[in-house]
């Protein structure tokens, strides 16, 4: 079972789809918790504050994880579930692209170089040749463990893009809780325009090193007391135990 917690930095405008993921072929079930805060480019202090608040939230019920192709198919069916006509694929007026993307690593409790909390931020732009470009969008985020399949781990709320401004930058803060093995994970982001079935822009580890090979592990692997549990119990190594048993046998033989 996999658990994850996620916070996104953006005022929420609509319902978020709550899912999480990861585990080589990522785990079958996942958990996620989320909250939104206002702001654009977040400072380190603001991120740490959001992370502290995130840790106080309870876990929700587990959800089934999905591959990227399953998410795409599900999205198309949701837009047009009953009619025989195909859903409208995309807007003929707006064009979209990713201007910038970044990632941040936060908590590594056992200092092994692998983190159980991280964030991904991105700035997407919209262009309309006929006038002011404004569009409501949402993003689907995926993880790939060490080159494995893309597995969905979060869907953002709906947010609005305003041309090429950087004021609409979006950031997702995630804390992996359980089931994410120690490994390197790539990130992929699909952007959708609300009301249309096609992906309007994609960015991944193939396009940016910021999304490539993030050293991650879930909280249950990030345990600084794990080795102490094995070495601080006062137990003797095997050779010491054998020496004591040999000494006891020698004394018994001497007395007999």
C-alpha atoms as a PDB file:
ATOM      1  CA  UNK A   1       0.000   0.000   0.000  1.00  0.00           C
ATOM      2  CA  UNK A   2       1.284   3.468  -0.892  1.00  0.00           C
ATOM      3  CA  UNK A   3       0.587   6.688   0.956  1.00  0.00           C
ATOM      4  CA  UNK A   4       1.353  10.216  -0.175  1.00  0.00           C
ATOM      5  CA  UNK A   5       0.453  13.701   0.935  1.00  0.00           C
ATOM      6  CA  UNK A   6       0.324  16.640  -1.430  1.00  0.00           C
ATOM      7  CA  UNK A   7      -0.071  20.394  -1.082  1.00  0.00           C
ATOM      8  CA  UNK A   8      -0.427  22.728  -4.045  1.00  0.00           C
ATOM      9  CA  UNK A   9       0.377  26.440  -3.986  1.00  0.00           C
ATOM     10  CA  UNK A  10      -2.567  28.076  -5.766  1.00  0.00           C
ATOM     11  CA  UNK A  11      -6.054  29.353  -4.806  1.00  0.00           C
ATOM     12  CA  UNK A  12      -8.439  26.454  -5.479  1.00  0.00           C
ATOM     13  CA  UNK A  13     -11.127  27.132  -8.111  1.00  0.00           C
ATOM     14  CA  UNK A  14     -12.646  23.662  -8.437  1.00  0.00           C
ATOM     15  CA  UNK A  15     -12.617  20.044  -7.257  1.00  0.00           C
ATOM     16  CA  UNK A  16      -9.296  18.205  -7.321  1.00  0.00           C
ATOM     17  CA  UNK A  17      -9.082  14.548  -8.280  1.00  0.00           C
ATOM     18  CA  UNK A  18      -7.344  12.872  -5.347  1.00  0.00           C
ATOM     19  CA  UNK A  19      -4.929  10.099  -6.237  1.00  0.00           C
ATOM     20  CA  UNK A  20      -1.286   9.227  -5.538  1.00  0.00           C
ATOM     21  CA  UNK A  21       1.310   6.801  -6.793  1.00  0.00           C
ATOM     22  CA  UNK A  22       4.687   5.133  -6.902  1.00  0.00           C
ATOM     23  CA  UNK A  23       6.508   1.806  -6.693  1.00  0.00           C
ATOM     24  CA  UNK A  24       8.513   0.496  -9.656  1.00  0.00           C
ATOM     25  CA  UNK A  25       5.419  -0.585 -11.454  1.00  0.00           C
ATOM     26  CA  UNK A  26       3.884   1.718  -8.873  1.00  0.00           C
ATOM     27  CA  UNK A  27       1.720   0.403  -6.021  1.00  0.00           C
ATOM     28  CA  UNK A  28      -1.842  -0.722  -6.670  1.00  0.00           C
ATOM     29  CA  UNK A  29      -3.364   1.567  -4.043  1.00  0.00           C
ATOM     30  CA  UNK A  30      -2.342   5.015  -2.854  1.00  0.00           C
ATOM     31  CA  UNK A  31      -3.331   7.786  -0.468  1.00  0.00           C
ATOM     32  CA  UNK A  32      -2.993  11.542  -0.715  1.00  0.00           C
ATOM     33  CA  UNK A  33      -3.912  14.601   1.329  1.00  0.00           C
ATOM     34  CA  UNK A  34      -3.828  18.134   0.017  1.00  0.00           C
ATOM     35  CA  UNK A  35      -4.459  21.783   0.744  1.00  0.00           C
ATOM     36  CA  UNK A  36      -4.088  25.035  -1.159  1.00  0.00           C
ATOM     37  CA  UNK A  37      -2.502  28.326  -0.176  1.00  0.00           C
ATOM     38  CA  UNK A  38      -2.294  31.569  -2.106  1.00  0.00           C
ATOM     39  CA  UNK A  39       0.835  32.945  -3.642  1.00  0.00           C
ATOM     40  CA  UNK A  40       3.064  32.612  -6.675  1.00  0.00           C
ATOM     41  CA  UNK A  41       6.805  32.033  -6.320  1.00  0.00           C
ATOM     42  CA  UNK A  42       7.096  30.568  -2.817  1.00  0.00           C
ATOM     43  CA  UNK A  43       9.990  31.324  -0.489  1.00  0.00           C
ATOM     44  CA  UNK A  44      11.771  28.554   1.412  1.00  0.00           C
ATOM     45  CA  UNK A  45      10.061  29.664   4.615  1.00  0.00           C
ATOM     46  CA  UNK A  46       6.626  29.501   2.997  1.00  0.00           C
ATOM     47  CA  UNK A  47       7.343  26.023   1.674  1.00  0.00           C
ATOM     48  CA  UNK A  48       8.512  24.822   5.089  1.00  0.00           C
ATOM     49  CA  UNK A  49       5.398  26.296   6.716  1.00  0.00           C
ATOM     50  CA  UNK A  50       3.163  24.558   4.183  1.00  0.00           C
ATOM     51  CA  UNK A  51       5.041  21.305   4.774  1.00  0.00           C
ATOM     52  CA  UNK A  52       4.556  21.595   8.544  1.00  0.00           C
ATOM     53  CA  UNK A  53       0.829  22.156   8.058  1.00  0.00           C
ATOM     54  CA  UNK A  54       0.668  19.233   5.653  1.00  0.00           C
ATOM     55  CA  UNK A  55       2.128  16.836   8.220  1.00  0.00           C
ATOM     56  CA  UNK A  56      -0.741  17.619  10.602  1.00  0.00           C
ATOM     57  CA  UNK A  57      -3.396  16.486   8.149  1.00  0.00           C
ATOM     58  CA  UNK A  58      -4.910  12.989   8.485  1.00  0.00           C
ATOM     59  CA  UNK A  59      -4.594  10.463   5.691  1.00  0.00           C
ATOM     60  CA  UNK A  60      -7.625   9.804   3.503  1.00  0.00           C
ATOM     61  CA  UNK A  61      -8.912   6.435   2.326  1.00  0.00           C
ATOM     62  CA  UNK A  62      -6.677   4.655  -0.201  1.00  0.00           C
ATOM     63  CA  UNK A  63      -7.395   5.034  -3.921  1.00  0.00           C
ATOM     64  CA  UNK A  64      -6.435   2.866  -6.873  1.00  0.00           C
ATOM     65  CA  UNK A  65      -3.453   4.159  -8.835  1.00  0.00           C
ATOM     66  CA  UNK A  66      -3.586   4.459 -12.616  1.00  0.00           C
ATOM     67  CA  UNK A  67      -1.133   4.560 -15.477  1.00  0.00           C
ATOM     68  CA  UNK A  68      -0.913   7.588 -17.719  1.00  0.00           C
ATOM     69  CA  UNK A  69      -2.828   5.864 -20.505  1.00  0.00           C
ATOM     70  CA  UNK A  70      -5.590   4.886 -18.092  1.00  0.00           C
ATOM     71  CA  UNK A  71      -5.891   8.493 -16.941  1.00  0.00           C
ATOM     72  CA  UNK A  72      -6.079   9.770 -20.531  1.00  0.00           C
ATOM     73  CA  UNK A  73      -8.782   7.249 -21.431  1.00  0.00           C
ATOM     74  CA  UNK A  74     -10.720   8.009 -18.252  1.00  0.00           C
ATOM     75  CA  UNK A  75     -10.582  11.743 -18.951  1.00  0.00           C
ATOM     76  CA  UNK A  76     -11.979  11.304 -22.451  1.00  0.00           C
ATOM     77  CA  UNK A  77     -14.854   9.172 -21.151  1.00  0.00           C
ATOM     78  CA  UNK A  78     -15.689  11.689 -18.423  1.00  0.00           C
ATOM     79  CA  UNK A  79     -16.059  14.484 -20.962  1.00  0.00           C
ATOM     80  CA  UNK A  80     -18.472  12.509 -23.120  1.00  0.00           C
ATOM     81  CA  UNK A  81     -19.656   9.420 -21.217  1.00  0.00           C
ATOM     82  CA  UNK A  82     -22.876   8.560 -23.084  1.00  0.00           C
ATOM     83  CA  UNK A  83     -23.124  10.041 -26.562  1.00  0.00           C
ATOM     84  CA  UNK A  84     -21.591   8.370 -29.566  1.00  0.00           C
ATOM     85  CA  UNK A  85     -19.887  11.595 -30.615  1.00  0.00           C
ATOM     86  CA  UNK A  86     -16.266  12.155 -29.753  1.00  0.00           C
ATOM     87  CA  UNK A  87     -15.454  14.777 -27.153  1.00  0.00           C
ATOM     88  CA  UNK A  88     -14.033  18.060 -28.417  1.00  0.00           C
ATOM     89  CA  UNK A  89     -10.308  17.449 -28.538  1.00  0.00           C
ATOM     90  CA  UNK A  90      -8.943  20.947 -28.026  1.00  0.00           C
ATOM     91  CA  UNK A  91      -9.612  24.643 -28.403  1.00  0.00           C
ATOM     92  CA  UNK A  92      -8.918  26.065 -31.855  1.00  0.00           C
ATOM     93  CA  UNK A  93      -7.972  29.458 -30.396  1.00  0.00           C
ATOM     94  CA  UNK A  94      -5.534  28.900 -27.541  1.00  0.00           C
ATOM     95  CA  UNK A  95      -1.985  27.573 -27.731  1.00  0.00           C
ATOM     96  CA  UNK A  96      -0.144  26.365 -24.629  1.00  0.00           C
ATOM     97  CA  UNK A  97       3.435  25.747 -23.559  1.00  0.00           C
ATOM     98  CA  UNK A  98       5.542  25.311 -20.430  1.00  0.00           C
ATOM     99  CA  UNK A  99       7.863  28.255 -19.868  1.00  0.00           C
ATOM    100  CA  UNK A 100       9.655  26.970 -16.773  1.00  0.00           C
ATOM    101  CA  UNK A 101       9.687  24.061 -14.331  1.00  0.00           C
ATOM    102  CA  UNK A 102      11.531  23.371 -11.090  1.00  0.00           C
ATOM    103  CA  UNK A 103      11.746  20.878  -8.235  1.00  0.00           C
ATOM    104  CA  UNK A 104      12.741  21.086  -4.569  1.00  0.00           C
ATOM    105  CA  UNK A 105      13.755  18.390  -2.060  1.00  0.00           C
ATOM    106  CA  UNK A 106      12.930  18.801   1.641  1.00  0.00           C
ATOM    107  CA  UNK A 107      13.019  16.036   4.281  1.00  0.00           C
ATOM    108  CA  UNK A 108      15.713  13.345   4.478  1.00  0.00           C
ATOM    109  CA  UNK A 109      15.524  12.085   8.058  1.00  0.00           C
ATOM    110  CA  UNK A 110      18.139   9.333   7.779  1.00  0.00           C
ATOM    111  CA  UNK A 111      20.587  11.423   5.687  1.00  0.00           C
ATOM    112  CA  UNK A 112      20.956   8.783   2.978  1.00  0.00           C
ATOM    113  CA  UNK A 113      20.412  11.263   0.145  1.00  0.00           C
ATOM    114  CA  UNK A 114      16.804  10.185  -0.512  1.00  0.00           C
ATOM    115  CA  UNK A 115      13.898  12.431   0.473  1.00  0.00           C
ATOM    116  CA  UNK A 116      10.315  11.672   1.461  1.00  0.00           C
ATOM    117  CA  UNK A 117       8.999  15.169   0.713  1.00  0.00           C
ATOM    118  CA  UNK A 118       9.481  17.257  -2.415  1.00  0.00           C
ATOM    119  CA  UNK A 119       7.745  19.811  -4.587  1.00  0.00           C
ATOM    120  CA  UNK A 120       7.335  20.456  -8.302  1.00  0.00           C
ATOM    121  CA  UNK A 121       6.631  23.959  -9.624  1.00  0.00           C
ATOM    122  CA  UNK A 122       5.789  25.018 -13.157  1.00  0.00           C
ATOM    123  CA  UNK A 123       4.871  28.099 -15.148  1.00  0.00           C
ATOM    124  CA  UNK A 124       2.634  27.415 -18.151  1.00  0.00           C
ATOM    125  CA  UNK A 125       1.681  30.051 -20.731  1.00  0.00           C
ATOM    126  CA  UNK A 126      -1.276  30.484 -23.070  1.00  0.00           C
ATOM    127  CA  UNK A 127      -1.246  32.353 -26.382  1.00  0.00           C
ATOM    128  CA  UNK A 128      -4.227  33.496 -28.446  1.00  0.00           C
ATOM    129  CA  UNK A 129      -3.546  35.255 -31.775  1.00  0.00           C
ATOM    130  CA  UNK A 130      -6.994  36.859 -31.705  1.00  0.00           C
ATOM    131  CA  UNK A 131      -6.641  38.789 -28.484  1.00  0.00           C
ATOM    132  CA  UNK A 132      -6.171  38.476 -24.734  1.00  0.00           C
ATOM    133  CA  UNK A 133      -5.197  34.949 -23.767  1.00  0.00           C
ATOM    134  CA  UNK A 134      -6.915  33.605 -20.647  1.00  0.00           C
ATOM    135  CA  UNK A 135      -7.656  29.925 -20.058  1.00  0.00           C
ATOM    136  CA  UNK A 136      -8.821  27.671 -17.226  1.00  0.00           C
ATOM    137  CA  UNK A 137      -6.607  24.588 -17.005  1.00  0.00           C
ATOM    138  CA  UNK A 138      -5.612  21.728 -14.730  1.00  0.00           C
ATOM    139  CA  UNK A 139      -2.610  19.412 -14.615  1.00  0.00           C
ATOM    140  CA  UNK A 140      -2.063  15.688 -14.144  1.00  0.00           C
ATOM    141  CA  UNK A 141       1.237  14.703 -12.471  1.00  0.00           C
ATOM    142  CA  UNK A 142       2.996  11.359 -12.855  1.00  0.00           C
ATOM    143  CA  UNK A 143       5.996   9.542 -11.377  1.00  0.00           C
ATOM    144  CA  UNK A 144       8.193   6.965 -13.078  1.00  0.00           C
ATOM    145  CA  UNK A 145      10.403   4.855 -10.847  1.00  0.00           C
ATOM    146  CA  UNK A 146      13.833   4.332 -12.392  1.00  0.00           C
ATOM    147  CA  UNK A 147      12.525   4.342 -15.960  1.00  0.00           C
ATOM    148  CA  UNK A 148       9.362   2.361 -15.216  1.00  0.00           C
ATOM    149  CA  UNK A 149       5.821   3.200 -16.376  1.00  0.00           C
ATOM    150  CA  UNK A 150       4.323   6.623 -15.729  1.00  0.00           C
ATOM    151  CA  UNK A 151       1.960   6.349 -12.743  1.00  0.00           C
ATOM    152  CA  UNK A 152      -0.476   9.072 -11.746  1.00  0.00           C
ATOM    153  CA  UNK A 153       0.117  10.644  -8.340  1.00  0.00           C
ATOM    154  CA  UNK A 154      -1.832  13.902  -8.391  1.00  0.00           C
ATOM    155  CA  UNK A 155      -4.446  15.974 -10.221  1.00  0.00           C
ATOM    156  CA  UNK A 156      -4.492  19.700  -9.526  1.00  0.00           C
ATOM    157  CA  UNK A 157      -7.529  21.875  -9.025  1.00  0.00           C
ATOM    158  CA  UNK A 158      -8.574  24.093 -11.902  1.00  0.00           C
ATOM    159  CA  UNK A 159      -6.498  27.267 -12.120  1.00  0.00           C
ATOM    160  CA  UNK A 160      -6.284  30.123 -14.610  1.00  0.00           C
ATOM    161  CA  UNK A 161      -3.477  31.044 -16.993  1.00  0.00           C
ATOM    162  CA  UNK A 162      -3.063  34.677 -18.044  1.00  0.00           C
ATOM    163  CA  UNK A 163      -0.925  34.923 -21.162  1.00  0.00           C
ATOM    164  CA  UNK A 164       2.797  34.745 -20.427  1.00  0.00           C
ATOM    165  CA  UNK A 165       2.745  36.208 -16.912  1.00  0.00           C
ATOM    166  CA  UNK A 166       4.739  34.478 -14.183  1.00  0.00           C
ATOM    167  CA  UNK A 167       2.062  35.372 -11.620  1.00  0.00           C
ATOM    168  CA  UNK A 168       0.156  32.172 -12.424  1.00  0.00           C
ATOM    169  CA  UNK A 169       3.006  29.829 -11.480  1.00  0.00           C
ATOM    170  CA  UNK A 170       1.784  26.636  -9.808  1.00  0.00           C
ATOM    171  CA  UNK A 171       3.535  24.485  -7.207  1.00  0.00           C
ATOM    172  CA  UNK A 172       2.658  21.041  -5.832  1.00  0.00           C
ATOM    173  CA  UNK A 173       4.150  19.955  -2.504  1.00  0.00           C
ATOM    174  CA  UNK A 174       4.136  16.184  -1.890  1.00  0.00           C
ATOM    175  CA  UNK A 175       5.037  14.068   1.121  1.00  0.00           C
ATOM    176  CA  UNK A 176       5.387  10.353   0.391  1.00  0.00           C
ATOM    177  CA  UNK A 177       4.040   8.465   3.386  1.00  0.00           C
ATOM    178  CA  UNK A 178       4.321   4.735   2.694  1.00  0.00           C
ATOM    179  CA  UNK A 179       5.210   2.228  -0.017  1.00  0.00           C
ATOM    180  CA  UNK A 180       7.596   4.285  -2.152  1.00  0.00           C
ATOM    181  CA  UNK A 181      10.852   2.333  -2.357  1.00  0.00           C
ATOM    182  CA  UNK A 182      14.223   4.074  -2.224  1.00  0.00           C
ATOM    183  CA  UNK A 183      15.018   4.945  -5.834  1.00  0.00           C
ATOM    184  CA  UNK A 184      15.240   7.692  -8.462  1.00  0.00           C
ATOM    185  CA  UNK A 185      11.938   8.982  -9.823  1.00  0.00           C
ATOM    186  CA  UNK A 186      11.180  11.034 -12.933  1.00  0.00           C
ATOM    187  CA  UNK A 187       8.232  13.449 -13.122  1.00  0.00           C
ATOM    188  CA  UNK A 188       5.859  14.158 -16.011  1.00  0.00           C
ATOM    189  CA  UNK A 189       3.199  16.895 -16.163  1.00  0.00           C
ATOM    190  CA  UNK A 190       0.263  16.891 -18.582  1.00  0.00           C
ATOM    191  CA  UNK A 191      -1.685  20.141 -18.965  1.00  0.00           C
ATOM    192  CA  UNK A 192      -5.375  20.161 -19.980  1.00  0.00           C
ATOM    193  CA  UNK A 193      -7.689  23.015 -20.908  1.00  0.00           C
ATOM    194  CA  UNK A 194     -11.004  22.700 -19.068  1.00  0.00           C
ATOM    195  CA  UNK A 195     -13.735  21.278 -21.292  1.00  0.00           C
ATOM    196  CA  UNK A 196     -11.418  19.603 -23.799  1.00  0.00           C
ATOM    197  CA  UNK A 197     -10.158  16.033 -23.903  1.00  0.00           C
ATOM    198  CA  UNK A 198      -6.701  16.459 -25.454  1.00  0.00           C
ATOM    199  CA  UNK A 199      -3.487  17.233 -23.584  1.00  0.00           C
ATOM    200  CA  UNK A 200      -2.505  20.785 -24.546  1.00  0.00           C
ATOM    201  CA  UNK A 201       1.089  20.697 -23.246  1.00  0.00           C
ATOM    202  CA  UNK A 202       3.452  18.179 -21.658  1.00  0.00           C
ATOM    203  CA  UNK A 203       6.775  18.492 -19.877  1.00  0.00           C
ATOM    204  CA  UNK A 204       8.830  15.708 -18.309  1.00  0.00           C
ATOM    205  CA  UNK A 205      12.307  14.496 -17.427  1.00  0.00           C
ATOM    206  CA  UNK A 206      12.974  14.250 -21.175  1.00  0.00           C
ATOM    207  CA  UNK A 207      12.702  18.054 -21.373  1.00  0.00           C
ATOM    208  CA  UNK A 208      14.122  19.264 -18.057  1.00  0.00           C
ATOM    209  CA  UNK A 209      16.747  17.978 -15.630  1.00  0.00           C
ATOM    210  CA  UNK A 210      14.623  19.425 -12.812  1.00  0.00           C
ATOM    211  CA  UNK A 211      12.207  16.535 -13.336  1.00  0.00           C
ATOM    212  CA  UNK A 212      14.860  13.858 -13.820  1.00  0.00           C
ATOM    213  CA  UNK A 213      15.954  11.200 -11.302  1.00  0.00           C
ATOM    214  CA  UNK A 214      14.669  12.792  -8.097  1.00  0.00           C
ATOM    215  CA  UNK A 215      16.089  10.762  -5.163  1.00  0.00           C
ATOM    216  CA  UNK A 216      12.942   9.779  -3.282  1.00  0.00           C
ATOM    217  CA  UNK A 217      11.678   7.306  -0.715  1.00  0.00           C
ATOM    218  CA  UNK A 218       8.581   7.229   1.456  1.00  0.00           C
ATOM    219  CA  UNK A 219       8.534   8.068   5.146  1.00  0.00           C
ATOM    220  CA  UNK A 220       8.592   4.404   6.177  1.00  0.00           C
ATOM    221  CA  UNK A 221      11.979   4.044   4.439  1.00  0.00           C
ATOM    222  CA  UNK A 222      13.260   7.404   5.709  1.00  0.00           C
ATOM    223  CA  UNK A 223      13.745   6.262   9.314  1.00  0.00           C
ATOM    224  CA  UNK A 224      16.880   7.410  11.172  1.00  0.00           C
ATOM    225  CA  UNK A 225      16.179   4.919  13.973  1.00  0.00           C
ATOM    226  CA  UNK A 226      16.066   1.871  11.746  1.00  0.00           C
ATOM    227  CA  UNK A 227      19.700   0.812  12.346  1.00  0.00           C
ATOM    228  CA  UNK A 228      19.503   1.738  16.038  1.00  0.00           C
ATOM    229  CA  UNK A 229      16.740  -0.805  16.415  1.00  0.00           C
ATOM    230  CA  UNK A 230      19.238  -3.487  15.425  1.00  0.00           C
ATOM    231  CA  UNK A 231      22.351  -2.292  17.297  1.00  0.00           C
ATOM    232  CA  UNK A 232      21.250  -0.665  20.560  1.00  0.00           C
ATOM    233  CA  UNK A 233      19.551  -3.648  22.182  1.00  0.00           C
ATOM    234  CA  UNK A 234      22.693  -4.840  23.993  1.00  0.00           C
ATOM    235  CA  UNK A 235      22.814  -8.080  22.007  1.00  0.00           C
ATOM    236  CA  UNK A 236      26.101  -9.889  21.342  1.00  0.00           C
ATOM    237  CA  UNK A 237      27.453 -10.827  17.933  1.00  0.00           C
ATOM    238  CA  UNK A 238      27.434 -14.501  16.979  1.00  0.00           C
ATOM    239  CA  UNK A 239      31.126 -15.044  17.766  1.00  0.00           C
ATOM    240  CA  UNK A 240      30.638 -13.607  21.258  1.00  0.00           C
ATOM    241  CA  UNK A 241      27.724 -15.925  21.947  1.00  0.00           C
ATOM    242  CA  UNK A 242      29.729 -18.955  20.796  1.00  0.00           C
ATOM    243  CA  UNK A 243      32.632 -17.943  23.050  1.00  0.00           C
ATOM    244  CA  UNK A 244      30.347 -17.802  26.098  1.00  0.00           C
ATOM    245  CA  UNK A 245      28.803 -21.185  25.297  1.00  0.00           C
ATOM    246  CA  UNK A 246      32.297 -22.657  24.910  1.00  0.00           C
ATOM    247  CA  UNK A 247      33.362 -21.244  28.273  1.00  0.00           C
ATOM    248  CA  UNK A 248      30.298 -22.713  30.004  1.00  0.00           C
ATOM    249  CA  UNK A 249      31.015 -26.118  28.452  1.00  0.00           C
ATOM    250  CA  UNK A 250      34.641 -25.970  29.613  1.00  0.00           C
ATOM    251  CA  UNK A 251      33.631 -25.193  33.216  1.00  0.00           C
ATOM    252  CA  UNK A 252      31.149 -28.039  33.297  1.00  0.00           C
ATOM    253  CA  UNK A 253      33.795 -30.440  32.009  1.00  0.00           C
ATOM    254  CA  UNK A 254      36.319 -29.273  34.646  1.00  0.00           C
ATOM    255  CA  UNK A 255      33.875 -29.897  37.492  1.00  0.00           C
ATOM    256  CA  UNK A 256      32.864 -33.380  36.337  1.00  0.00           C
END
